[in-house]
């Protein structure tokens, strides 16, 4: 399973360079949910979703989950996925 960030409107995937692509093989993969949220904050992303790719290419087995817009998280407040809030 691969964790990817996908733009809800364009259906393109985030790359490690901070650009967007339709090619899942060039999309940035995230090891943890914490890494997904960190990237979302660093790139100040809005209108994106978590795309769980189950195979090497999109299929009917993939799972799409909404992500809260990066603006919804404060960098000074305790993050909801902080280590004391349970495992990710």
PDB file of N, CA and C in Angstrom:
ATOM      1  N   UNK A   1       0.836  -1.179   0.000  1.00  0.00           N
ATOM      2  CA  UNK A   1       0.000   0.000   0.000  1.00  0.00           C
ATOM      3  C   UNK A   1       0.882   1.244   0.000  1.00  0.00           C
ATOM      4  N   UNK A   2       0.506   2.219  -0.818  1.00  0.00           N
ATOM      5  CA  UNK A   2       1.234   3.482  -0.888  1.00  0.00           C
ATOM      6  C   UNK A   2       0.309   4.615  -0.465  1.00  0.00           C
ATOM      7  N   UNK A   3       0.835   5.521   0.356  1.00  0.00           N
ATOM      8  CA  UNK A   3       0.086   6.716   0.761  1.00  0.00           C
ATOM      9  C   UNK A   3       0.489   7.867  -0.152  1.00  0.00           C
ATOM     10  N   UNK A   4      -0.495   8.467  -0.822  1.00  0.00           N
ATOM     11  CA  UNK A   4      -0.258   9.576  -1.725  1.00  0.00           C
ATOM     12  C   UNK A   4      -1.212  10.714  -1.376  1.00  0.00           C
ATOM     13  N   UNK A   5      -0.835  11.930  -1.752  1.00  0.00           N
ATOM     14  CA  UNK A   5      -1.733  13.073  -1.612  1.00  0.00           C
ATOM     15  C   UNK A   5      -2.253  13.402  -2.999  1.00  0.00           C
ATOM     16  N   UNK A   6      -3.596  13.512  -3.106  1.00  0.00           N
ATOM     17  CA  UNK A   6      -4.208  13.796  -4.401  1.00  0.00           C
ATOM     18  C   UNK A   6      -5.074  15.054  -4.316  1.00  0.00           C
ATOM     19  N   UNK A   7      -4.993  15.869  -5.339  1.00  0.00           N
ATOM     20  CA  UNK A   7      -5.833  17.059  -5.439  1.00  0.00           C
ATOM     21  C   UNK A   7      -7.257  16.613  -5.744  1.00  0.00           C
ATOM     22  N   UNK A   8      -8.230  17.054  -4.944  1.00  0.00           N
ATOM     23  CA  UNK A   8      -9.612  16.615  -5.127  1.00  0.00           C
ATOM     24  C   UNK A   8     -10.182  17.034  -6.475  1.00  0.00           C
ATOM     25  N   UNK A   9      -9.870  18.234  -6.921  1.00  0.00           N
ATOM     26  CA  UNK A   9     -10.449  18.772  -8.154  1.00  0.00           C
ATOM     27  C   UNK A   9      -9.782  18.201  -9.400  1.00  0.00           C
ATOM     28  N   UNK A  10      -8.454  18.218  -9.442  1.00  0.00           N
ATOM     29  CA  UNK A  10      -7.736  17.807 -10.660  1.00  0.00           C
ATOM     30  C   UNK A  10      -7.432  16.319 -10.704  1.00  0.00           C
ATOM     31  N   UNK A  11      -7.496  15.662  -9.531  1.00  0.00           N
ATOM     32  CA  UNK A  11      -7.158  14.234  -9.401  1.00  0.00           C
ATOM     33  C   UNK A  11      -5.677  13.966  -9.673  1.00  0.00           C
ATOM     34  N   UNK A  12      -4.836  15.001  -9.584  1.00  0.00           N
ATOM     35  CA  UNK A  12      -3.391  14.828  -9.751  1.00  0.00           C
ATOM     36  C   UNK A  12      -2.740  14.572  -8.400  1.00  0.00           C
ATOM     37  N   UNK A  13      -1.574  13.934  -8.426  1.00  0.00           N
ATOM     38  CA  UNK A  13      -0.859  13.538  -7.219  1.00  0.00           C
ATOM     39  C   UNK A  13       0.323  14.467  -6.956  1.00  0.00           C
ATOM     40  N   UNK A  14       0.606  14.699  -5.677  1.00  0.00           N
ATOM     41  CA  UNK A  14       1.731  15.531  -5.269  1.00  0.00           C
ATOM     42  C   UNK A  14       3.040  14.797  -5.521  1.00  0.00           C
ATOM     43  N   UNK A  15       4.031  15.522  -6.055  1.00  0.00           N
ATOM     44  CA  UNK A  15       5.367  14.951  -6.248  1.00  0.00           C
ATOM     45  C   UNK A  15       6.292  15.460  -5.149  1.00  0.00           C
ATOM     46  N   UNK A  16       7.473  14.879  -5.032  1.00  0.00           N
ATOM     47  CA  UNK A  16       8.435  15.306  -4.015  1.00  0.00           C
ATOM     48  C   UNK A  16       8.950  16.717  -4.282  1.00  0.00           C
ATOM     49  N   UNK A  17       8.792  17.213  -5.512  1.00  0.00           N
ATOM     50  CA  UNK A  17       9.209  18.580  -5.848  1.00  0.00           C
ATOM     51  C   UNK A  17       8.130  19.605  -5.517  1.00  0.00           C
ATOM     52  N   UNK A  18       6.952  19.134  -5.083  1.00  0.00           N
ATOM     53  CA  UNK A  18       5.848  20.040  -4.766  1.00  0.00           C
ATOM     54  C   UNK A  18       5.000  20.398  -5.968  1.00  0.00           C
ATOM     55  N   UNK A  19       5.151  19.655  -7.064  1.00  0.00           N
ATOM     56  CA  UNK A  19       4.330  19.856  -8.252  1.00  0.00           C
ATOM     57  C   UNK A  19       3.282  18.743  -8.312  1.00  0.00           C
ATOM     58  N   UNK A  20       2.465  18.753  -9.346  1.00  0.00           N
ATOM     59  CA  UNK A  20       1.384  17.775  -9.466  1.00  0.00           C
ATOM     60  C   UNK A  20       1.574  16.925 -10.714  1.00  0.00           C
ATOM     61  N   UNK A  21       1.173  15.659 -10.643  1.00  0.00           N
ATOM     62  CA  UNK A  21       1.317  14.726 -11.751  1.00  0.00           C
ATOM     63  C   UNK A  21       0.115  13.787 -11.810  1.00  0.00           C
ATOM     64  N   UNK A  22      -0.167  13.284 -12.996  1.00  0.00           N
ATOM     65  CA  UNK A  22      -1.190  12.254 -13.153  1.00  0.00           C
ATOM     66  C   UNK A  22      -0.590  10.858 -13.059  1.00  0.00           C
ATOM     67  N   UNK A  23       0.730  10.778 -13.068  1.00  0.00           N
ATOM     68  CA  UNK A  23       1.458   9.503 -13.070  1.00  0.00           C
ATOM     69  C   UNK A  23       1.765   9.075 -11.629  1.00  0.00           C
ATOM     70  N   UNK A  24       1.095   8.034 -11.148  1.00  0.00           N
ATOM     71  CA  UNK A  24       1.309   7.598  -9.763  1.00  0.00           C
ATOM     72  C   UNK A  24       2.734   7.125  -9.514  1.00  0.00           C
ATOM     73  N   UNK A  25       3.436   6.710 -10.556  1.00  0.00           N
ATOM     74  CA  UNK A  25       4.812   6.235 -10.352  1.00  0.00           C
ATOM     75  C   UNK A  25       5.771   7.379 -10.021  1.00  0.00           C
ATOM     76  N   UNK A  26       5.394   8.612 -10.323  1.00  0.00           N
ATOM     77  CA  UNK A  26       6.242   9.768  -9.989  1.00  0.00           C
ATOM     78  C   UNK A  26       5.705  10.551  -8.791  1.00  0.00           C
ATOM     79  N   UNK A  27       4.601  10.105  -8.231  1.00  0.00           N
ATOM     80  CA  UNK A  27       4.025  10.764  -7.056  1.00  0.00           C
ATOM     81  C   UNK A  27       4.872  10.459  -5.816  1.00  0.00           C
ATOM     82  N   UNK A  28       4.872  11.403  -4.890  1.00  0.00           N
ATOM     83  CA  UNK A  28       5.609  11.192  -3.643  1.00  0.00           C
ATOM     84  C   UNK A  28       4.852  10.202  -2.766  1.00  0.00           C
ATOM     85  N   UNK A  29       5.574   9.221  -2.241  1.00  0.00           N
ATOM     86  CA  UNK A  29       5.001   8.244  -1.321  1.00  0.00           C
ATOM     87  C   UNK A  29       5.337   8.664   0.105  1.00  0.00           C
ATOM     88  N   UNK A  30       4.414   8.464   1.024  1.00  0.00           N
ATOM     89  CA  UNK A  30       4.598   8.844   2.417  1.00  0.00           C
ATOM     90  C   UNK A  30       4.578   7.599   3.301  1.00  0.00           C
ATOM     91  N   UNK A  31       5.565   7.482   4.160  1.00  0.00           N
ATOM     92  CA  UNK A  31       5.706   6.294   5.005  1.00  0.00           C
ATOM     93  C   UNK A  31       4.652   6.235   6.113  1.00  0.00           C
ATOM     94  N   UNK A  32       4.227   7.399   6.604  1.00  0.00           N
ATOM     95  CA  UNK A  32       3.280   7.452   7.723  1.00  0.00           C
ATOM     96  C   UNK A  32       2.236   8.537   7.488  1.00  0.00           C
ATOM     97  N   UNK A  33       1.168   8.487   8.254  1.00  0.00           N
ATOM     98  CA  UNK A  33       0.169   9.561   8.210  1.00  0.00           C
ATOM     99  C   UNK A  33       0.782  10.861   8.711  1.00  0.00           C
ATOM    100  N   UNK A  34       1.658  10.767   9.663  1.00  0.00           N
ATOM    101  CA  UNK A  34       2.322  11.972  10.176  1.00  0.00           C
ATOM    102  C   UNK A  34       3.075  12.680   9.042  1.00  0.00           C
ATOM    103  N   UNK A  35       3.729  11.915   8.169  1.00  0.00           N
ATOM    104  CA  UNK A  35       4.452  12.487   7.027  1.00  0.00           C
ATOM    105  C   UNK A  35       3.485  13.125   6.027  1.00  0.00           C
ATOM    106  N   UNK A  36       2.315  12.539   5.839  1.00  0.00           N
ATOM    107  CA  UNK A  36       1.292  13.117   4.962  1.00  0.00           C
ATOM    108  C   UNK A  36       0.881  14.485   5.486  1.00  0.00           C
ATOM    109  N   UNK A  37       0.579  14.555   6.764  1.00  0.00           N
ATOM    110  CA  UNK A  37       0.117  15.812   7.358  1.00  0.00           C
ATOM    111  C   UNK A  37       1.229  16.852   7.364  1.00  0.00           C
ATOM    112  N   UNK A  38       2.453  16.425   7.605  1.00  0.00           N
ATOM    113  CA  UNK A  38       3.585  17.357   7.575  1.00  0.00           C
ATOM    114  C   UNK A  38       3.747  17.964   6.177  1.00  0.00           C
ATOM    115  N   UNK A  39       3.657  17.142   5.141  1.00  0.00           N
ATOM    116  CA  UNK A  39       3.768  17.641   3.766  1.00  0.00           C
ATOM    117  C   UNK A  39       2.613  18.586   3.442  1.00  0.00           C
ATOM    118  N   UNK A  40       1.439  18.237   3.906  1.00  0.00           N
ATOM    119  CA  UNK A  40       0.271  19.089   3.681  1.00  0.00           C
ATOM    120  C   UNK A  40       0.489  20.473   4.304  1.00  0.00           C
ATOM    121  N   UNK A  41       1.057  20.496   5.495  1.00  0.00           N
ATOM    122  CA  UNK A  41       1.344  21.766   6.167  1.00  0.00           C
ATOM    123  C   UNK A  41       2.481  22.521   5.479  1.00  0.00           C
ATOM    124  N   UNK A  42       3.561  21.837   5.145  1.00  0.00           N
ATOM    125  CA  UNK A  42       4.724  22.487   4.536  1.00  0.00           C
ATOM    126  C   UNK A  42       4.387  23.122   3.188  1.00  0.00           C
ATOM    127  N   UNK A  43       3.505  22.469   2.420  1.00  0.00           N
ATOM    128  CA  UNK A  43       3.129  22.993   1.108  1.00  0.00           C
ATOM    129  C   UNK A  43       1.869  23.855   1.190  1.00  0.00           C
ATOM    130  N   UNK A  44       1.304  24.008   2.413  1.00  0.00           N
ATOM    131  CA  UNK A  44       0.099  24.810   2.649  1.00  0.00           C
ATOM    132  C   UNK A  44      -1.030  24.371   1.706  1.00  0.00           C
ATOM    133  N   UNK A  45      -1.286  23.066   1.690  1.00  0.00           N
ATOM    134  CA  UNK A  45      -2.241  22.490   0.749  1.00  0.00           C
ATOM    135  C   UNK A  45      -3.675  22.612   1.231  1.00  0.00           C
ATOM    136  N   UNK A  46      -4.566  22.838   0.304  1.00  0.00           N
ATOM    137  CA  UNK A  46      -6.006  22.808   0.555  1.00  0.00           C
ATOM    138  C   UNK A  46      -6.644  22.009  -0.575  1.00  0.00           C
ATOM    139  N   UNK A  47      -7.814  21.456  -0.327  1.00  0.00           N
ATOM    140  CA  UNK A  47      -8.516  20.708  -1.360  1.00  0.00           C
ATOM    141  C   UNK A  47      -7.823  19.431  -1.769  1.00  0.00           C
ATOM    142  N   UNK A  48      -7.214  18.741  -0.794  1.00  0.00           N
ATOM    143  CA  UNK A  48      -6.517  17.493  -1.101  1.00  0.00           C
ATOM    144  C   UNK A  48      -7.104  16.337  -0.301  1.00  0.00           C
ATOM    145  N   UNK A  49      -6.763  15.138  -0.716  1.00  0.00           N
ATOM    146  CA  UNK A  49      -7.242  13.934  -0.044  1.00  0.00           C
ATOM    147  C   UNK A  49      -6.115  12.908   0.032  1.00  0.00           C
ATOM    148  N   UNK A  50      -6.265  11.981   0.958  1.00  0.00           N
ATOM    149  CA  UNK A  50      -5.317  10.879   1.085  1.00  0.00           C
ATOM    150  C   UNK A  50      -5.758   9.787   0.120  1.00  0.00           C
ATOM    151  N   UNK A  51      -4.839   9.349  -0.709  1.00  0.00           N
ATOM    152  CA  UNK A  51      -5.123   8.302  -1.685  1.00  0.00           C
ATOM    153  C   UNK A  51      -4.278   7.093  -1.315  1.00  0.00           C
ATOM    154  N   UNK A  52      -4.930   6.010  -0.926  1.00  0.00           N
ATOM    155  CA  UNK A  52      -4.228   4.775  -0.567  1.00  0.00           C
ATOM    156  C   UNK A  52      -4.231   3.854  -1.783  1.00  0.00           C
ATOM    157  N   UNK A  53      -3.085   3.773  -2.424  1.00  0.00           N
ATOM    158  CA  UNK A  53      -2.916   2.983  -3.645  1.00  0.00           C
ATOM    159  C   UNK A  53      -2.588   1.548  -3.234  1.00  0.00           C
ATOM    160  N   UNK A  54      -3.449   0.620  -3.592  1.00  0.00           N
ATOM    161  CA  UNK A  54      -3.278  -0.768  -3.160  1.00  0.00           C
ATOM    162  C   UNK A  54      -2.409  -1.589  -4.114  1.00  0.00           C
ATOM    163  N   UNK A  55      -2.341  -1.180  -5.371  1.00  0.00           N
ATOM    164  CA  UNK A  55      -1.535  -1.883  -6.359  1.00  0.00           C
ATOM    165  C   UNK A  55      -0.582  -0.873  -6.996  1.00  0.00           C
ATOM    166  N   UNK A  56       0.119  -1.245  -8.035  1.00  0.00           N
ATOM    167  CA  UNK A  56       1.071  -0.336  -8.682  1.00  0.00           C
ATOM    168  C   UNK A  56       0.413   0.733  -9.538  1.00  0.00           C
ATOM    169  N   UNK A  57      -0.860   0.563  -9.823  1.00  0.00           N
ATOM    170  CA  UNK A  57      -1.610   1.559 -10.583  1.00  0.00           C
ATOM    171  C   UNK A  57      -3.008   1.660  -9.974  1.00  0.00           C
ATOM    172  N   UNK A  58      -3.694   2.787 -10.192  1.00  0.00           N
ATOM    173  CA  UNK A  58      -5.038   2.923  -9.614  1.00  0.00           C
ATOM    174  C   UNK A  58      -5.950   1.767  -9.994  1.00  0.00           C
ATOM    175  N   UNK A  59      -6.735   1.333  -9.017  1.00  0.00           N
ATOM    176  CA  UNK A  59      -7.658   0.217  -9.238  1.00  0.00           C
ATOM    177  C   UNK A  59      -8.896   0.415  -8.366  1.00  0.00           C
ATOM    178  N   UNK A  60      -9.829  -0.482  -8.484  1.00  0.00           N
ATOM    179  CA  UNK A  60     -11.062  -0.405  -7.692  1.00  0.00           C
ATOM    180  C   UNK A  60     -10.814  -0.739  -6.222  1.00  0.00           C
ATOM    181  N   UNK A  61      -9.615  -1.203  -5.882  1.00  0.00           N
ATOM    182  CA  UNK A  61      -9.290  -1.529  -4.497  1.00  0.00           C
ATOM    183  C   UNK A  61      -8.739  -0.335  -3.708  1.00  0.00           C
ATOM    184  N   UNK A  62      -8.436   0.756  -4.393  1.00  0.00           N
ATOM    185  CA  UNK A  62      -7.863   1.926  -3.734  1.00  0.00           C
ATOM    186  C   UNK A  62      -8.866   2.560  -2.779  1.00  0.00           C
ATOM    187  N   UNK A  63      -8.347   3.288  -1.799  1.00  0.00           N
ATOM    188  CA  UNK A  63      -9.181   3.957  -0.802  1.00  0.00           C
ATOM    189  C   UNK A  63      -8.834   5.440  -0.815  1.00  0.00           C
ATOM    190  N   UNK A  64      -9.859   6.278  -0.791  1.00  0.00           N
ATOM    191  CA  UNK A  64      -9.671   7.724  -0.764  1.00  0.00           C
ATOM    192  C   UNK A  64     -10.307   8.263   0.509  1.00  0.00           C
ATOM    193  N   UNK A  65      -9.524   9.036   1.271  1.00  0.00           N
ATOM    194  CA  UNK A  65     -10.004   9.612   2.534  1.00  0.00           C
ATOM    195  C   UNK A  65      -9.796  11.121   2.524  1.00  0.00           C
ATOM    196  N   UNK A  66     -10.745  11.868   3.079  1.00  0.00           N
ATOM    197  CA  UNK A  66     -10.572  13.322   3.113  1.00  0.00           C
ATOM    198  C   UNK A  66      -9.472  13.725   4.085  1.00  0.00           C
ATOM    199  N   UNK A  67      -8.814  14.833   3.772  1.00  0.00           N
ATOM    200  CA  UNK A  67      -7.824  15.429   4.667  1.00  0.00           C
ATOM    201  C   UNK A  67      -8.306  16.828   5.035  1.00  0.00           C
ATOM    202  N   UNK A  68      -8.079  17.208   6.275  1.00  0.00           N
ATOM    203  CA  UNK A  68      -8.395  18.566   6.694  1.00  0.00           C
ATOM    204  C   UNK A  68      -7.405  19.503   6.015  1.00  0.00           C
ATOM    205  N   UNK A  69      -7.906  20.644   5.534  1.00  0.00           N
ATOM    206  CA  UNK A  69      -7.017  21.618   4.899  1.00  0.00           C
ATOM    207  C   UNK A  69      -5.912  22.025   5.849  1.00  0.00           C
ATOM    208  N   UNK A  70      -4.727  22.247   5.313  1.00  0.00           N
ATOM    209  CA  UNK A  70      -3.559  22.623   6.120  1.00  0.00           C
ATOM    210  C   UNK A  70      -3.841  23.856   6.959  1.00  0.00           C
ATOM    211  N   UNK A  71      -4.677  24.743   6.478  1.00  0.00           N
ATOM    212  CA  UNK A  71      -5.011  25.953   7.229  1.00  0.00           C
ATOM    213  C   UNK A  71      -5.769  25.619   8.514  1.00  0.00           C
ATOM    214  N   UNK A  72      -6.308  24.396   8.604  1.00  0.00           N
ATOM    215  CA  UNK A  72      -7.034  23.974   9.788  1.00  0.00           C
ATOM    216  C   UNK A  72      -6.130  23.595  10.948  1.00  0.00           C
ATOM    217  N   UNK A  73      -4.824  23.486  10.707  1.00  0.00           N
ATOM    218  CA  UNK A  73      -3.868  23.132  11.746  1.00  0.00           C
ATOM    219  C   UNK A  73      -3.025  24.342  12.091  1.00  0.00           C
ATOM    220  N   UNK A  74      -2.849  24.571  13.359  1.00  0.00           N
ATOM    221  CA  UNK A  74      -1.968  25.652  13.794  1.00  0.00           C
ATOM    222  C   UNK A  74      -0.603  25.062  14.073  1.00  0.00           C
ATOM    223  N   UNK A  75       0.450  25.717  13.619  1.00  0.00           N
ATOM    224  CA  UNK A  75       1.804  25.211  13.849  1.00  0.00           C
ATOM    225  C   UNK A  75       2.252  25.422  15.285  1.00  0.00           C
ATOM    226  N   UNK A  76       1.520  26.244  16.041  1.00  0.00           N
ATOM    227  CA  UNK A  76       1.898  26.495  17.429  1.00  0.00           C
ATOM    228  C   UNK A  76       1.094  25.640  18.399  1.00  0.00           C
ATOM    229  N   UNK A  77      -0.057  25.146  17.967  1.00  0.00           N
ATOM    230  CA  UNK A  77      -0.882  24.313  18.837  1.00  0.00           C
ATOM    231  C   UNK A  77      -0.453  22.857  18.727  1.00  0.00           C
ATOM    232  N   UNK A  78      -0.850  22.083  19.727  1.00  0.00           N
ATOM    233  CA  UNK A  78      -0.536  20.658  19.713  1.00  0.00           C
ATOM    234  C   UNK A  78      -1.269  19.991  18.561  1.00  0.00           C
ATOM    235  N   UNK A  79      -0.547  19.244  17.777  1.00  0.00           N
ATOM    236  CA  UNK A  79      -1.101  18.571  16.614  1.00  0.00           C
ATOM    237  C   UNK A  79      -1.931  17.372  17.059  1.00  0.00           C
ATOM    238  N   UNK A  80      -3.069  17.103  16.395  1.00  0.00           N
ATOM    239  CA  UNK A  80      -3.905  15.974  16.819  1.00  0.00           C
ATOM    240  C   UNK A  80      -3.234  14.614  16.702  1.00  0.00           C
ATOM    241  N   UNK A  81      -2.140  14.511  15.946  1.00  0.00           N
ATOM    242  CA  UNK A  81      -1.432  13.227  15.841  1.00  0.00           C
ATOM    243  C   UNK A  81      -0.118  13.265  16.570  1.00  0.00           C
ATOM    244  N   UNK A  82      -0.048  14.060  17.621  1.00  0.00           N
ATOM    245  CA  UNK A  82       1.191  14.118  18.393  1.00  0.00           C
ATOM    246  C   UNK A  82       1.426  12.763  19.063  1.00  0.00           C
ATOM    247  N   UNK A  83       2.687  12.458  19.423  1.00  0.00           N
ATOM    248  CA  UNK A  83       3.007  11.127  19.960  1.00  0.00           C
ATOM    249  C   UNK A  83       2.168  10.714  21.157  1.00  0.00           C
ATOM    250  N   UNK A  84       1.697  11.653  21.961  1.00  0.00           N
ATOM    251  CA  UNK A  84       0.919  11.311  23.137  1.00  0.00           C
ATOM    252  C   UNK A  84      -0.541  11.018  22.822  1.00  0.00           C
ATOM    253  N   UNK A  85      -0.931  11.192  21.578  1.00  0.00           N
ATOM    254  CA  UNK A  85      -2.323  10.984  21.174  1.00  0.00           C
ATOM    255  C   UNK A  85      -2.560   9.587  20.616  1.00  0.00           C
ATOM    256  N   UNK A  86      -1.604   8.710  20.685  1.00  0.00           N
ATOM    257  CA  UNK A  86      -1.759   7.360  20.165  1.00  0.00           C
ATOM    258  C   UNK A  86      -0.911   7.161  18.923  1.00  0.00           C
ATOM    259  N   UNK A  87      -0.829   5.940  18.481  1.00  0.00           N
ATOM    260  CA  UNK A  87       0.016   5.648  17.319  1.00  0.00           C
ATOM    261  C   UNK A  87      -0.712   5.934  16.034  1.00  0.00           C
ATOM    262  N   UNK A  88       0.076   6.113  14.986  1.00  0.00           N
ATOM    263  CA  UNK A  88      -0.484   6.398  13.660  1.00  0.00           C
ATOM    264  C   UNK A  88      -0.370   5.156  12.818  1.00  0.00           C
TER     265      UNK A  88
END
